Amino acid sequence: MSNPSFRPLIVFSIPVLILLILAFPPVWTTMTGDVIKIKTAPVDPTDLFRGSYVALKYEIESVKPSQVDDSIKTEFNTRNMGDYKKVYVRLKQNADGLYAVDYVTKEKPGEGVYLRGELEVPYDLQNAKTIQIKYGLDNYFASEEKAKEMEKEALANPSVAVVKVRNGHVVLTDIIIE
């Protein structure tokens, strides 16, 4: 270990190792995750740094307070309103094959399809009609032509996001415009 030529190898391997560790969950989810479909409502913006993409809004991002576990509600207080809390959202498949929110909990479910998300603590919990949850599925990158085509089609027809899910991790793989 006292060999001076060994030190640069260690120094340069640490960032590579960190990048590999960060890339592992999405790659593993893409390879082995369950395929589910979620109803969306796309918008087509362009970002100068990232290019053309379709910004997505999901029905599962808005949940009713009755779907949120009481253990989460008791943690809400005035000092953390507007903050985000890590939660797990259990999904259930409905008759048309799409997935919808069953319930929201702070404990990781032992089985079934669930997503890990961040619940935005509402400012007025008593009068809140919906509570927002973010999953990190907001953008679908596409070529400029494809993004504009998807925007036009989505205005006339409903769209569905095809995602892969494994252990709460989720990766957006495709958008289907019906």
Foldseek 3Di string as FASTA:
>chain_A
DPDPVVVVVVVVVVVVVVVCVVPPPVVCLVVDFDKAKFWWQWDWDADPVQGTKIFIDTPQQWAFPVQEDVVVVVPDDQVQQQHKDKKKFAWDADPVRHIHTRHIGRDQDPDHFIAIWIWHHHNDVVPDGITGTDRPPGIGDDHPVVSVVCNVLCVVFIKMWIWGGDSNHIDTDDMGTD
